[in-house]
Amino acid sequence: MKKKIFANILMISMLFAGCANPVSNTDSIPSQDTEQVDTTVSDTQTTDTENATEQTPYGISITELTEDTTYYSKTDPSVQVLNGSASYPEISIADHADIEKKINDAIKSEVDTFWTFEEENSGYADSEYQMTLDNADTEFEPYSAEFSYETKRCDDAILSIVFKQYDYSYGAAHGNFWSYGITFDVNTGERLYLETLSDDYTSFYQMLVKNLNDQAVLPAYENFVFSDFASDIESSLLKDSASWYFDRSGLSFISNPYVLGSYAAGTFEFNIPYDQLTGLKSAYAYKGPYICKLFPGISVSHDVNGNGSADEICYSLNVGDNMDYSSASAVLTINGTDFSRQLDDLHLTYPWTGAYYLIDVDSEDSYVEIAISNENYDNPKGTCTHFFRYDTSGELIYQGNVAGIFNEDMQVRYNSNGNLILCDRNGEPVQ
């Protein structure tokens, strides 16, 4: 059990675990494995809220909207049977009202699908409540449901969003979690699909198949994927319109529970960096600072010191013969040289958080830094991300750290004093 828990944390970019497939307006709503019930509720109470607006450098603003709805029993209007909450983005694009309408209509359709499902689910919740009335020893707990989102990429070409959904039913051993992505061309407002990303989709598709299959056999995934994953990669990831998204590091594919792995495996991801996306339309290329998301055990070839030659980099975990992730030690090799001792000197408590990164901290120099996070569960204030530079002399030079866990939605910069500071995806310092 401990092995599974720590393995989940190792790989999960989004700490989910669930039993349902993604729900979007293009997919069927999960059915309830029960007899038909009256789904009519006596009353609902809904609260709408407009939250903070994020301004991007591309003339796009994102306002978070929230909706909270309480469903009540049809026999006792004082009894809550389901509490639901949805947060989602509303997009504004300067001088392009027609495009923003297309995008916002598509987003709202996803939210409406969620509420349609939960309205039906409230009927099942009410049925469960009625059953508890006959048992004095049983106390009913209202069902709960949450719909949320993360903006993964937003620039002058692409808007890519990951939606997350959670449902908990009375008496269940655990809640259900899943996530899915939708991506838009911000110059047309049209939703993008895998087949629209390349002018030669046959070759592009073959590249995706090979890349995903090559990743799935690496040690980083051995505790997560089913042994017969190959056919599932094509049928469940590449044929699912909602299994992928773009972020600053590349094209990511989401494997929800029971797709490529068990419930215990949770949700894990595969990432294909932009420089490996052969055939991607140039219009959709990422033009920002270089960043590459990698999972432990996955190596990468990239010139990180600006000498014109590619460097072979791999960060991995030594878990020993017992596969004990709770006492894993960090291993970093660059061009065959082992720099693990320098990591040991930092006294990493948990030398993994799901990913490590190559990131161009300063576009004015020739270096690409290596970012490794240290998630300290015993002392959360000690959680931070360390940054290293591989010098042309072959030395690994420590650059400092920032508080918290770095991810592809953040940026890191040097301030005027030469210290690292954490910034949001628009480059604004995080206070």
Protein backbone atom coordinates (compact mmCIF):
# COMPACT_ATOMS: atom_id res chain seq x y z
CA MET A 1 0.00 0.00 0.00
CA LYS A 2 2.80 2.44 0.86
CA LYS A 3 4.41 1.74 -2.49
CA LYS A 4 1.22 2.61 -4.34
CA ILE A 5 0.72 5.81 -2.36
CA PHE A 6 4.18 7.11 -3.05
CA ALA A 7 4.10 5.96 -6.63
CA ASN A 8 0.95 7.95 -7.17
CA ILE A 9 2.55 11.12 -5.91
CA LEU A 10 5.58 10.51 -8.10
CA MET A 11 3.72 10.57 -11.33
CA ILE A 12 0.53 12.46 -10.82
CA SER A 13 0.68 15.95 -12.20
CA MET A 14 -2.81 16.46 -10.95
CA LEU A 15 -3.41 14.47 -7.80
CA PHE A 16 -6.51 12.66 -8.90
CA ALA A 17 -7.90 9.21 -8.42
CA GLY A 18 -11.28 8.15 -9.76
CA CYS A 19 -13.52 5.60 -11.37
CA ALA A 20 -15.11 7.39 -14.29
CA ASN A 21 -14.21 8.40 -17.81
CA PRO A 22 -14.01 12.04 -18.88
CA VAL A 23 -17.33 13.78 -19.36
CA SER A 24 -17.66 16.44 -22.01
CA ASN A 25 -20.37 17.45 -24.39
CA THR A 26 -18.84 15.11 -26.93
CA ASP A 27 -18.85 12.10 -24.63
CA SER A 28 -21.64 10.16 -23.00
CA ILE A 29 -22.52 10.91 -19.41
CA PRO A 30 -21.62 8.06 -17.03
CA SER A 31 -24.68 6.02 -16.25
CA GLN A 32 -25.85 5.07 -12.80
CA ASP A 33 -25.86 1.36 -12.12
CA THR A 34 -29.21 1.46 -10.35
CA GLU A 35 -32.86 1.14 -11.18
CA GLN A 36 -34.69 4.10 -12.66
CA VAL A 37 -35.75 6.71 -10.13
CA ASP A 38 -37.66 9.96 -10.20
CA THR A 39 -35.00 12.61 -10.76
CA THR A 40 -37.32 15.52 -10.04
CA VAL A 41 -36.26 17.66 -7.10
CA SER A 42 -38.49 19.98 -5.19
CA ASP A 43 -36.18 22.96 -5.26
CA THR A 44 -32.69 24.20 -6.05
CA GLN A 45 -30.74 27.19 -4.88
CA THR A 46 -28.06 28.62 -7.19
CA THR A 47 -25.50 31.34 -6.52
CA ASP A 48 -23.46 32.92 -9.33
CA THR A 49 -20.20 34.75 -8.59
CA GLU A 50 -17.73 36.64 -10.75
CA ASN A 51 -14.17 36.40 -9.45
CA ALA A 52 -10.86 38.01 -10.35
CA THR A 53 -9.89 38.66 -13.96
CA GLU A 54 -6.48 37.68 -15.31
CA GLN A 55 -4.96 39.90 -17.98
CA THR A 56 -2.55 38.26 -20.44
CA PRO A 57 0.01 39.93 -22.72
CA TYR A 58 -1.97 38.82 -25.79
CA GLY A 59 -5.09 40.97 -25.47
CA ILE A 60 -6.94 38.09 -23.82
CA SER A 61 -8.50 38.37 -20.37
CA ILE A 62 -9.80 35.43 -18.34
CA THR A 63 -12.48 35.93 -15.71
CA GLU A 64 -13.30 33.08 -13.35
CA LEU A 65 -17.01 32.47 -12.89
CA THR A 66 -18.44 30.23 -10.19
CA GLU A 67 -21.84 28.65 -9.77
CA ASP A 68 -22.98 26.92 -6.58
CA THR A 69 -26.18 24.90 -6.59
CA THR A 70 -27.91 23.05 -3.76
CA TYR A 71 -30.49 20.38 -4.55
CA TYR A 72 -33.17 19.55 -1.98
CA SER A 73 -35.29 16.49 -1.33
CA LYS A 74 -38.63 16.39 -3.17
CA THR A 75 -40.32 15.19 0.05
CA ASP A 76 -38.55 17.45 2.53
CA PRO A 77 -37.39 20.80 1.09
CA SER A 78 -35.27 21.42 4.18
CA VAL A 79 -32.97 18.48 3.42
CA GLN A 80 -30.01 18.98 1.12
CA VAL A 81 -29.34 15.92 -1.05
CA LEU A 82 -26.57 17.25 -3.32
CA ASN A 83 -24.24 20.24 -3.21
CA GLY A 84 -22.60 21.20 -6.48
CA SER A 85 -19.99 23.80 -7.41
CA ALA A 86 -18.63 24.80 -10.80
CA SER A 87 -15.85 27.23 -11.64
CA TYR A 88 -15.00 28.01 -15.25
CA PRO A 89 -13.35 30.72 -17.34
CA GLU A 90 -15.02 33.43 -19.37
CA ILE A 91 -12.79 34.72 -22.14
CA SER A 92 -12.56 38.26 -23.50
CA ILE A 93 -10.54 38.99 -26.65
CA ALA A 94 -10.09 42.62 -27.57
CA ASP A 95 -11.90 43.56 -30.80
CA HIS A 96 -12.92 39.94 -31.49
CA ALA A 97 -16.35 39.51 -29.94
CA ASP A 98 -17.28 36.81 -32.47
CA ILE A 99 -14.27 34.66 -31.55
CA GLU A 100 -14.72 35.03 -27.81
CA LYS A 101 -18.40 34.07 -28.19
CA LYS A 102 -17.47 30.82 -29.94
CA ILE A 103 -15.04 29.95 -27.18
CA ASN A 104 -17.32 30.95 -24.32
CA ASP A 105 -20.27 29.07 -25.80
CA ALA A 106 -18.15 25.92 -26.02
CA ILE A 107 -16.94 26.32 -22.44
CA LYS A 108 -20.46 26.95 -21.14
CA SER A 109 -21.62 23.80 -22.94
CA GLU A 110 -19.15 21.81 -20.82
CA VAL A 111 -20.52 23.41 -17.66
CA ASP A 112 -24.11 22.76 -18.73
CA THR A 113 -23.26 19.11 -19.32
CA PHE A 114 -21.93 18.91 -15.78
CA TRP A 115 -25.11 20.43 -14.31
CA THR A 116 -27.34 18.18 -16.43
CA PHE A 117 -25.57 15.16 -15.00
CA GLU A 118 -25.76 16.47 -11.43
CA GLU A 119 -29.44 17.31 -11.72
CA GLU A 120 -30.06 13.68 -12.63
CA ASN A 121 -27.66 12.59 -9.90
CA SER A 122 -29.66 14.58 -7.33
CA GLY A 123 -32.57 12.23 -7.98
CA TYR A 124 -30.42 9.27 -7.02
CA ALA A 125 -29.23 11.19 -3.99
CA ASP A 126 -32.81 11.83 -2.92
CA SER A 127 -33.59 8.14 -3.36
CA GLU A 128 -30.68 7.30 -1.05
CA TYR A 129 -31.97 9.80 1.47
CA GLN A 130 -35.44 8.18 1.43
CA MET A 131 -33.86 4.81 2.17
CA THR A 132 -32.08 6.15 5.26
CA LEU A 133 -35.41 7.25 6.73
CA ASP A 134 -36.22 3.60 7.36
CA ASN A 135 -32.97 3.05 9.25
CA ALA A 136 -32.55 5.01 12.48
CA ASP A 137 -28.87 4.00 12.67
CA THR A 138 -28.02 5.55 9.30
CA GLU A 139 -27.40 9.26 8.78
CA PHE A 140 -27.57 10.54 5.22
CA GLU A 141 -24.71 12.58 3.82
CA PRO A 142 -25.46 14.84 0.86
CA TYR A 143 -23.81 13.99 -2.43
CA SER A 144 -21.17 16.47 -3.58
CA ALA A 145 -19.89 17.47 -6.99
CA GLU A 146 -17.21 19.87 -8.17
CA PHE A 147 -16.27 21.17 -11.59
CA SER A 148 -13.07 23.20 -11.93
CA TYR A 149 -10.47 24.16 -14.48
CA GLU A 150 -6.84 25.11 -15.12
CA THR A 151 -5.71 27.29 -17.99
CA LYS A 152 -2.68 25.46 -19.38
CA ARG A 153 -1.70 27.61 -22.34
CA CYS A 154 -2.96 31.03 -23.36
CA ASP A 155 -1.17 33.04 -26.04
CA ASP A 156 -1.74 34.53 -29.49
CA ALA A 157 -2.27 31.08 -31.03
CA ILE A 158 -3.69 28.65 -28.50
CA LEU A 159 -6.06 28.55 -25.55
CA SER A 160 -5.87 25.17 -23.84
CA ILE A 161 -7.91 24.34 -20.74
CA VAL A 162 -8.07 21.27 -18.50
CA PHE A 163 -11.40 20.65 -16.78
CA LYS A 164 -11.54 18.56 -13.63
CA GLN A 165 -14.56 16.87 -12.15
CA TYR A 166 -15.21 15.26 -8.82
CA ASP A 167 -18.26 13.37 -7.62
CA TYR A 168 -18.93 11.78 -4.25
CA SER A 169 -21.99 9.66 -3.55
CA TYR A 170 -23.37 8.74 -0.15
CA GLY A 171 -21.88 5.49 1.12
CA ALA A 172 -19.14 5.29 -1.51
CA ALA A 173 -15.68 4.16 -0.46
CA HIS A 174 -14.16 7.08 -2.33
CA GLY A 175 -15.06 9.88 -4.66
CA ASN A 176 -14.54 9.81 -8.41
CA PHE A 177 -12.04 12.13 -10.07
CA TRP A 178 -11.30 12.68 -13.72
CA SER A 179 -10.04 15.37 -16.01
CA TYR A 180 -10.09 16.25 -19.70
CA GLY A 181 -8.83 18.96 -22.01
CA ILE A 182 -10.26 21.25 -24.67
CA THR A 183 -8.15 23.47 -26.90
CA PHE A 184 -9.06 26.41 -29.14
CA ASP A 185 -7.46 28.34 -31.98
CA VAL A 186 -7.72 31.89 -30.59
CA ASN A 187 -7.61 33.39 -34.09
CA THR A 188 -10.75 31.55 -35.21
CA GLY A 189 -12.46 30.41 -32.02
CA GLU A 190 -12.65 26.87 -33.37
CA ARG A 191 -12.02 23.91 -31.11
CA LEU A 192 -8.94 21.96 -32.15
CA TYR A 193 -8.68 18.20 -32.44
CA LEU A 194 -5.61 16.04 -32.91
CA GLU A 195 -6.34 15.64 -36.62
CA THR A 196 -6.37 19.43 -37.06
CA LEU A 197 -2.89 19.93 -35.58
CA SER A 198 -0.95 18.79 -38.63
CA ASP A 199 -1.18 19.01 -42.42
CA ASP A 200 0.06 15.41 -42.59
CA TYR A 201 -1.97 13.76 -39.87
CA THR A 202 -1.01 10.20 -40.87
CA SER A 203 2.66 10.86 -40.14
CA PHE A 204 1.80 13.01 -37.13
CA TYR A 205 -0.38 10.25 -35.70
CA GLN A 206 2.34 7.64 -36.21
CA MET A 207 4.79 9.93 -34.38
CA LEU A 208 2.36 10.23 -31.46
CA VAL A 209 1.83 6.46 -31.27
CA LYS A 210 5.56 5.75 -31.25
CA ASN A 211 6.35 8.45 -28.72
CA LEU A 212 3.63 7.39 -26.27
CA ASN A 213 4.49 3.71 -26.55
CA ASP A 214 8.18 4.46 -26.03
CA GLN A 215 7.38 6.44 -22.89
CA ALA A 216 5.01 3.83 -21.47
CA VAL A 217 7.75 1.17 -21.25
CA LEU A 218 10.14 3.42 -19.31
CA PRO A 219 10.72 2.75 -15.59
CA ALA A 220 8.85 5.92 -14.67
CA TYR A 221 5.60 4.31 -15.80
CA GLU A 222 6.12 0.68 -14.86
CA ASN A 223 3.96 0.92 -11.73
CA PHE A 224 1.09 2.59 -13.52
CA VAL A 225 0.29 1.21 -16.95
CA PHE A 226 -1.39 -2.09 -17.69
CA SER A 227 0.86 -4.65 -19.37
CA ASP A 228 -1.25 -4.57 -22.55
CA PHE A 229 -1.29 -0.77 -22.83
CA ALA A 230 -0.36 -0.46 -26.52
CA SER A 231 -3.85 -0.90 -27.98
CA ASP A 232 -5.34 1.23 -25.20
CA ILE A 233 -3.03 4.12 -26.04
CA GLU A 234 -4.53 4.30 -29.49
CA SER A 235 -8.13 3.56 -28.58
CA SER A 236 -8.32 5.56 -25.34
CA LEU A 237 -5.84 8.40 -25.73
CA LEU A 238 -5.46 9.07 -29.43
CA LYS A 239 -9.09 8.42 -30.31
CA ASP A 240 -10.46 10.47 -27.42
CA SER A 241 -11.01 14.10 -28.37
CA ALA A 242 -10.65 15.22 -24.76
CA SER A 243 -7.57 13.27 -23.63
CA TRP A 244 -4.98 15.94 -24.45
CA TYR A 245 -3.99 19.56 -23.98
CA PHE A 246 -1.17 21.99 -24.75
CA ASP A 247 0.90 23.72 -22.14
CA ARG A 248 4.17 25.65 -22.34
CA SER A 249 6.21 22.44 -22.36
CA GLY A 250 4.45 20.52 -25.12
CA LEU A 251 1.51 18.25 -25.87
CA SER A 252 0.27 16.31 -22.84
CA PHE A 253 -2.00 13.26 -22.76
CA ILE A 254 -4.15 12.45 -19.73
CA SER A 255 -4.68 8.89 -18.55
CA ASN A 256 -7.55 8.82 -16.08
CA PRO A 257 -8.07 5.86 -13.74
CA TYR A 258 -8.92 2.63 -15.54
CA VAL A 259 -7.81 3.99 -18.92
CA LEU A 260 -4.19 2.79 -19.02
CA GLY A 261 -3.87 1.86 -15.37
CA SER A 262 -5.77 0.83 -12.28
CA TYR A 263 -7.65 3.00 -9.83
CA ALA A 264 -4.60 2.87 -7.53
CA ALA A 265 -2.48 4.35 -10.32
CA GLY A 266 -4.60 7.48 -10.28
CA THR A 267 -4.37 9.99 -13.11
CA PHE A 268 -1.00 10.26 -14.80
CA GLU A 269 0.24 12.01 -17.91
CA PHE A 270 2.57 11.72 -20.86
CA ASN A 271 4.24 14.82 -22.24
CA ILE A 272 5.72 15.23 -25.71
CA PRO A 273 7.96 18.33 -25.91
CA TYR A 274 7.40 20.75 -28.79
CA ASP A 275 10.76 19.95 -30.35
CA GLN A 276 9.60 16.33 -30.74
CA LEU A 277 6.21 17.19 -32.27
CA THR A 278 7.31 16.62 -35.84
CA GLY A 279 4.63 17.84 -38.22
CA LEU A 280 2.87 20.23 -35.83
CA LYS A 281 1.52 23.22 -37.74
CA SER A 282 3.81 26.20 -37.28
CA ALA A 283 0.83 28.32 -36.28
CA TYR A 284 0.47 26.24 -33.10
CA ALA A 285 4.13 26.16 -32.10
CA TYR A 286 5.00 27.61 -28.72
CA LYS A 287 7.08 30.76 -29.08
CA GLY A 288 7.78 31.50 -25.43
CA PRO A 289 10.85 30.68 -23.31
CA TYR A 290 12.01 27.08 -23.58
CA ILE A 291 10.57 24.69 -21.03
CA CYS A 292 10.45 20.91 -21.06
CA LYS A 293 8.52 18.76 -18.56
CA LEU A 294 10.00 15.33 -17.89
CA PHE A 295 9.14 12.54 -15.49
CA PRO A 296 11.81 10.83 -13.39
CA GLY A 297 13.58 8.14 -15.35
CA ILE A 298 13.04 9.87 -18.68
CA SER A 299 16.17 11.24 -20.31
CA VAL A 300 16.37 14.16 -22.70
CA SER A 301 18.92 15.39 -25.22
CA HIS A 302 19.25 19.19 -25.25
CA ASP A 303 22.01 21.79 -25.35
CA VAL A 304 21.76 23.26 -21.84
CA ASN A 305 25.04 25.24 -21.77
CA GLY A 306 25.01 26.85 -25.18
CA ASN A 307 28.15 25.19 -26.53
CA GLY A 308 26.35 23.93 -29.64
CA SER A 309 26.32 20.24 -28.61
CA ALA A 310 23.36 18.36 -27.19
CA ASP A 311 23.71 17.23 -23.58
CA GLU A 312 22.24 13.95 -22.34
CA ILE A 313 20.35 14.56 -19.09
CA CYS A 314 18.45 12.16 -16.88
CA TYR A 315 16.98 12.65 -13.43
CA SER A 316 15.78 9.44 -11.81
CA LEU A 317 15.06 7.81 -8.49
CA ASN A 318 16.90 5.04 -6.74
CA VAL A 319 14.22 3.15 -4.84
CA GLY A 320 16.30 0.09 -4.03
CA ASP A 321 15.32 -3.54 -4.38
CA ASN A 322 12.27 -3.00 -2.16
CA MET A 323 10.83 -0.31 -4.48
CA ASP A 324 10.29 1.94 -1.49
CA TYR A 325 9.45 5.39 -2.84
CA SER A 326 9.30 6.84 0.66
CA SER A 327 13.10 6.57 0.99
CA ALA A 328 14.06 7.15 -2.63
CA SER A 329 17.32 8.91 -3.38
CA ALA A 330 17.85 11.25 -6.31
CA VAL A 331 20.13 10.44 -9.24
CA LEU A 332 21.17 13.07 -11.79
CA THR A 333 23.47 12.24 -14.69
CA ILE A 334 24.63 14.60 -17.42
CA ASN A 335 26.70 13.27 -20.30
CA GLY A 336 27.48 10.16 -18.28
CA THR A 337 28.71 12.05 -15.20
CA ASP A 338 26.87 11.33 -11.96
CA PHE A 339 26.03 14.47 -9.96
CA SER A 340 23.93 12.70 -7.33
CA ARG A 341 26.33 13.68 -4.55
CA GLN A 342 25.46 17.34 -5.08
CA LEU A 343 21.80 16.48 -4.71
CA ASP A 344 22.58 14.58 -1.52
CA ASP A 345 24.18 17.72 -0.11
CA LEU A 346 20.81 19.49 -0.41
CA HIS A 347 19.22 16.88 1.89
CA LEU A 348 16.21 16.31 -0.32
CA THR A 349 13.42 14.91 1.82
CA TYR A 350 11.23 13.67 -1.00
CA PRO A 351 13.20 14.12 -4.22
CA TRP A 352 10.19 13.93 -6.53
CA THR A 353 6.93 15.65 -7.19
CA GLY A 354 5.78 14.20 -10.49
CA ALA A 355 8.12 15.98 -12.89
CA TYR A 356 11.46 17.69 -13.35
CA TYR A 357 12.08 20.47 -15.85
CA LEU A 358 14.51 22.05 -18.22
CA ILE A 359 13.70 25.76 -18.28
CA ASP A 360 15.28 28.82 -19.84
CA VAL A 361 15.33 31.16 -16.85
CA ASP A 362 17.11 34.01 -18.61
CA SER A 363 16.68 34.33 -22.38
CA GLU A 364 19.63 36.76 -22.45
CA ASP A 365 22.17 34.04 -21.63
CA SER A 366 22.97 30.75 -23.35
CA TYR A 367 21.94 28.44 -20.50
CA VAL A 368 18.90 26.27 -19.90
CA GLU A 369 18.51 25.44 -16.21
CA ILE A 370 17.50 22.15 -14.57
CA ALA A 371 14.70 22.37 -12.00
CA ILE A 372 14.22 19.66 -9.35
CA SER A 373 11.59 19.98 -6.64
CA ASN A 374 11.82 18.91 -3.02
CA GLU A 375 8.39 18.28 -1.50
CA ASN A 376 8.79 18.14 2.27
CA TYR A 377 5.67 16.65 3.84
CA ASP A 378 7.08 16.76 7.36
CA ASN A 379 7.94 20.44 7.06
CA PRO A 380 5.84 22.08 4.31
CA LYS A 381 7.80 25.33 4.70
CA GLY A 382 10.80 23.38 3.44
CA THR A 383 9.07 22.54 0.16
CA CYS A 384 10.94 24.24 -2.66
CA THR A 385 12.34 23.84 -6.16
CA HIS A 386 16.09 23.82 -6.74
CA PHE A 387 17.72 25.14 -9.91
CA PHE A 388 21.03 24.04 -11.44
CA ARG A 389 23.18 25.13 -14.36
CA TYR A 390 25.47 22.78 -16.29
CA ASP A 391 28.53 24.85 -17.13
CA THR A 392 30.64 24.52 -20.28
CA SER A 393 33.43 23.29 -17.97
CA GLY A 394 31.34 20.23 -17.15
CA GLU A 395 30.48 21.40 -13.64
CA LEU A 396 26.99 21.47 -12.12
CA ILE A 397 26.45 24.87 -10.51
CA TYR A 398 23.71 25.48 -7.96
CA GLN A 399 21.61 28.56 -8.80
CA GLY A 400 19.37 28.69 -5.74
CA ASN A 401 15.76 27.80 -5.07
CA VAL A 402 12.25 29.19 -4.90
CA ALA A 403 9.56 28.28 -2.39
CA GLY A 404 6.93 25.80 -3.54
CA ILE A 405 6.68 23.31 -6.35
CA PHE A 406 7.47 24.64 -9.80
CA ASN A 407 5.22 23.58 -12.66
CA GLU A 408 4.73 24.42 -16.32
CA ASP A 409 2.21 27.14 -15.46
CA MET A 410 4.92 29.19 -13.74
CA GLN A 411 8.02 31.08 -14.72
CA VAL A 412 11.22 31.77 -12.83
CA ARG A 413 13.38 34.87 -13.27
CA TYR A 414 16.52 36.38 -11.80
CA ASN A 415 15.87 39.67 -10.03
CA SER A 416 18.24 42.65 -10.00
CA ASN A 417 20.18 41.06 -7.12
CA GLY A 418 20.71 37.84 -9.05
CA ASN A 419 18.27 35.88 -6.92
CA LEU A 420 15.60 33.60 -8.33
CA ILE A 421 12.00 34.71 -8.04
CA LEU A 422 8.82 32.84 -8.88
CA CYS A 423 6.49 34.39 -11.48
CA ASP A 424 3.11 33.51 -12.94
CA ARG A 425 2.78 32.37 -16.52
CA ASN A 426 2.65 35.99 -17.69
CA GLY A 427 5.99 36.74 -16.04
CA GLU A 428 4.58 38.73 -13.12
CA PRO A 429 6.28 38.04 -9.75
CA VAL A 430 4.24 35.95 -7.33
CA GLN A 431 3.91 37.80 -4.06
